[in-house]
Amino acid sequence: MLEGMTLTGGCHCGNLKLRYETAVPPEETAVRLCQCSFCRSHGARAATDPGGHMTIEVGDETRVSRYGFALRTAEFLICATCGVFVAAVMDADGATYATLNVNALDERARFPAGAPMSYEGEDAAARIARRKARWTPADVLSSPSAAAAPR
């Protein structure tokens, strides 16, 4: 088990649930404000911990929008019911990596406001390499029973 803390959260309606395990206190986390049009539009504040772990639980996959744009090197997970952007995920070399929108965490107020970052000059290879080095190892779990359950 990772020494540190587990932070939880998710989308507003509960279809997407987050569990973020990290040894880095929220107050000491480097929060990034990506300047791409998607992240600015969503007011996203991103955080990662390469030594941590993130679990994203999907209640009903049919209620998740997986959005890819620009270089299409990641999928942005947005709840199609309540509209909350919770995380971006990337699969590379048999592993999954994620960056968390700290605004989707229950304890979001503990995180710093963040610093603007631009990744505009990266090509796909550089972007994937940066994410493999800096993003959080992750699991995205879908509930098989939730998709069949009545709403």
Protein backbone atom coordinates (compact mmCIF):
# COMPACT_ATOMS: atom_id res chain seq x y z
CA MET A 1 0.00 0.00 0.00
CA LEU A 2 1.13 3.49 -0.85
CA GLU A 3 2.16 5.54 2.18
CA GLY A 4 0.21 8.74 2.16
CA MET A 5 -3.42 9.49 1.64
CA THR A 6 -6.39 8.57 -0.48
CA LEU A 7 -8.52 11.36 -1.88
CA THR A 8 -11.93 10.70 -3.40
CA GLY A 9 -14.36 12.48 -5.65
CA GLY A 10 -16.08 12.19 -8.98
CA CYS A 11 -18.69 13.76 -11.15
CA HIS A 12 -21.76 15.51 -9.75
CA CYS A 13 -24.23 12.65 -10.39
CA GLY A 14 -21.89 9.89 -9.18
CA ASN A 15 -21.49 7.98 -12.44
CA LEU A 16 -17.72 8.62 -12.46
CA LYS A 17 -15.93 8.03 -9.17
CA LEU A 18 -12.29 8.88 -8.43
CA ARG A 19 -9.85 7.44 -5.93
CA TYR A 20 -6.45 9.17 -5.94
CA GLU A 21 -3.69 7.66 -3.82
CA THR A 22 -0.67 9.89 -3.29
CA ALA A 23 2.14 10.55 -0.84
CA VAL A 24 2.15 14.25 -1.84
CA PRO A 25 -0.05 16.42 0.39
CA PRO A 26 -2.61 18.41 -1.64
CA GLU A 27 -1.12 21.68 -0.39
CA GLU A 28 2.28 20.70 -1.88
CA THR A 29 0.95 19.38 -5.19
CA ALA A 30 2.06 21.09 -8.40
CA VAL A 31 -1.27 22.02 -9.94
CA ARG A 32 -1.19 22.87 -13.64
CA LEU A 33 -3.59 25.05 -15.59
CA CYS A 34 -3.32 23.72 -19.12
CA GLN A 35 -3.93 26.52 -21.59
CA CYS A 36 -5.58 24.40 -24.30
CA SER A 37 -9.11 25.46 -25.23
CA PHE A 38 -10.66 22.32 -23.68
CA CYS A 39 -9.07 22.73 -20.24
CA ARG A 40 -9.69 26.50 -20.17
CA SER A 41 -13.35 25.94 -21.10
CA HIS A 42 -13.75 23.45 -18.25
CA GLY A 43 -11.76 25.45 -15.69
CA ALA A 44 -9.60 22.35 -15.17
CA ARG A 45 -6.84 22.23 -12.58
CA ALA A 46 -4.63 19.22 -13.30
CA ALA A 47 -2.52 17.21 -10.87
CA THR A 48 -0.51 14.03 -11.18
CA ASP A 49 1.79 11.87 -9.07
CA PRO A 50 3.94 9.33 -10.94
CA GLY A 51 4.47 7.54 -7.60
CA GLY A 52 0.77 7.43 -6.84
CA HIS A 53 -2.21 5.60 -8.27
CA MET A 54 -5.60 6.65 -9.59
CA THR A 55 -8.71 4.55 -9.96
CA ILE A 56 -11.60 5.78 -12.07
CA GLU A 57 -14.80 3.80 -11.61
CA VAL A 58 -17.41 4.08 -14.35
CA GLY A 59 -20.94 3.23 -13.24
CA ASP A 60 -22.60 3.31 -16.66
CA GLU A 61 -20.30 3.46 -19.68
CA THR A 62 -23.16 4.69 -21.89
CA ARG A 63 -23.21 7.86 -19.76
CA VAL A 64 -19.53 8.69 -20.34
CA SER A 65 -18.24 10.91 -23.10
CA ARG A 66 -14.66 10.03 -24.09
CA TYR A 67 -13.39 13.05 -25.94
CA GLY A 68 -10.15 13.15 -27.91
CA PHE A 69 -8.91 16.19 -29.81
CA ALA A 70 -5.77 17.70 -31.36
CA LEU A 71 -3.15 14.92 -31.35
CA ARG A 72 -5.66 12.37 -29.93
CA THR A 73 -3.07 10.98 -27.51
CA ALA A 74 -5.50 10.95 -24.56
CA GLU A 75 -9.21 10.64 -23.82
CA PHE A 76 -10.90 13.22 -21.65
CA LEU A 77 -13.56 11.56 -19.47
CA ILE A 78 -16.69 13.66 -19.14
CA CYS A 79 -19.93 12.55 -17.56
CA ALA A 80 -22.59 12.76 -20.25
CA THR A 81 -25.29 13.19 -17.59
CA CYS A 82 -23.93 16.01 -15.40
CA GLY A 83 -21.15 17.37 -17.65
CA VAL A 84 -18.23 17.14 -15.21
CA PHE A 85 -14.74 16.57 -16.64
CA VAL A 86 -12.97 14.30 -14.11
CA ALA A 87 -9.73 13.14 -15.75
CA ALA A 88 -7.80 12.48 -18.93
CA VAL A 89 -6.39 9.02 -19.57
CA MET A 90 -3.77 7.64 -21.92
CA ASP A 91 -2.88 4.04 -22.72
CA ALA A 92 0.76 3.44 -23.67
CA ASP A 93 2.91 0.31 -23.71
CA GLY A 94 0.29 -1.78 -21.93
CA ALA A 95 -0.22 0.69 -19.08
CA THR A 96 -2.78 3.40 -18.35
CA TYR A 97 -1.82 6.87 -17.12
CA ALA A 98 -4.10 9.68 -15.98
CA THR A 99 -4.15 13.32 -15.05
CA LEU A 100 -6.75 14.36 -12.54
CA ASN A 101 -8.98 17.42 -12.56
CA VAL A 102 -8.64 18.32 -8.87
CA ASN A 103 -11.91 20.26 -9.12
CA ALA A 104 -13.62 16.84 -9.22
CA LEU A 105 -12.20 15.88 -5.80
CA ASP A 106 -14.10 16.27 -2.54
CA GLU A 107 -11.11 18.11 -0.99
CA ARG A 108 -10.43 20.38 -3.99
CA ALA A 109 -9.98 23.45 -1.77
CA ARG A 110 -6.78 21.96 -0.27
CA PHE A 111 -4.96 22.21 -3.62
CA PRO A 112 -3.14 25.35 -4.81
CA ALA A 113 -4.75 27.53 -7.47
CA GLY A 114 -2.21 26.34 -10.05
CA ALA A 115 0.19 27.72 -12.63
CA PRO A 116 -0.53 28.16 -16.36
CA MET A 117 1.18 25.59 -18.62
CA SER A 118 1.29 25.30 -22.39
CA TYR A 119 2.09 22.09 -24.25
CA GLU A 120 1.38 23.56 -27.67
CA GLY A 121 4.84 22.86 -29.17
CA GLU A 122 4.84 19.13 -28.42
CA ASP A 123 4.48 16.51 -31.13
CA ALA A 124 2.70 13.24 -30.34
CA ALA A 125 5.88 11.37 -29.35
CA ALA A 126 7.02 14.12 -26.96
CA ARG A 127 3.55 14.39 -25.44
CA ILE A 128 3.32 10.63 -24.82
CA ALA A 129 6.83 10.55 -23.32
CA ARG A 130 6.03 13.45 -20.96
CA ARG A 131 2.81 11.82 -19.84
CA LYS A 132 4.45 8.44 -19.23
CA ALA A 133 7.03 10.18 -17.02
CA ARG A 134 4.69 12.57 -15.18
CA TRP A 135 1.14 11.24 -15.17
CA THR A 136 -0.30 8.94 -12.51
CA PRO A 137 -0.55 5.18 -13.14
CA ALA A 138 -4.25 4.41 -13.34
CA ASP A 139 -7.02 1.87 -13.69
CA VAL A 140 -10.33 2.62 -15.36
CA LEU A 141 -12.94 0.17 -14.12
CA SER A 142 -16.38 -0.24 -15.64
CA SER A 143 -19.19 -1.79 -13.66
CA PRO A 144 -20.73 -4.53 -15.83
CA SER A 145 -23.99 -4.52 -13.88
CA ALA A 146 -24.53 -0.76 -13.96
CA ALA A 147 -24.98 -0.59 -17.73
CA ALA A 148 -27.86 -3.07 -17.53
CA ALA A 149 -29.48 -1.49 -14.47
CA PRO A 150 -32.58 0.66 -14.99
CA ARG A 151 -32.18 4.42 -14.45
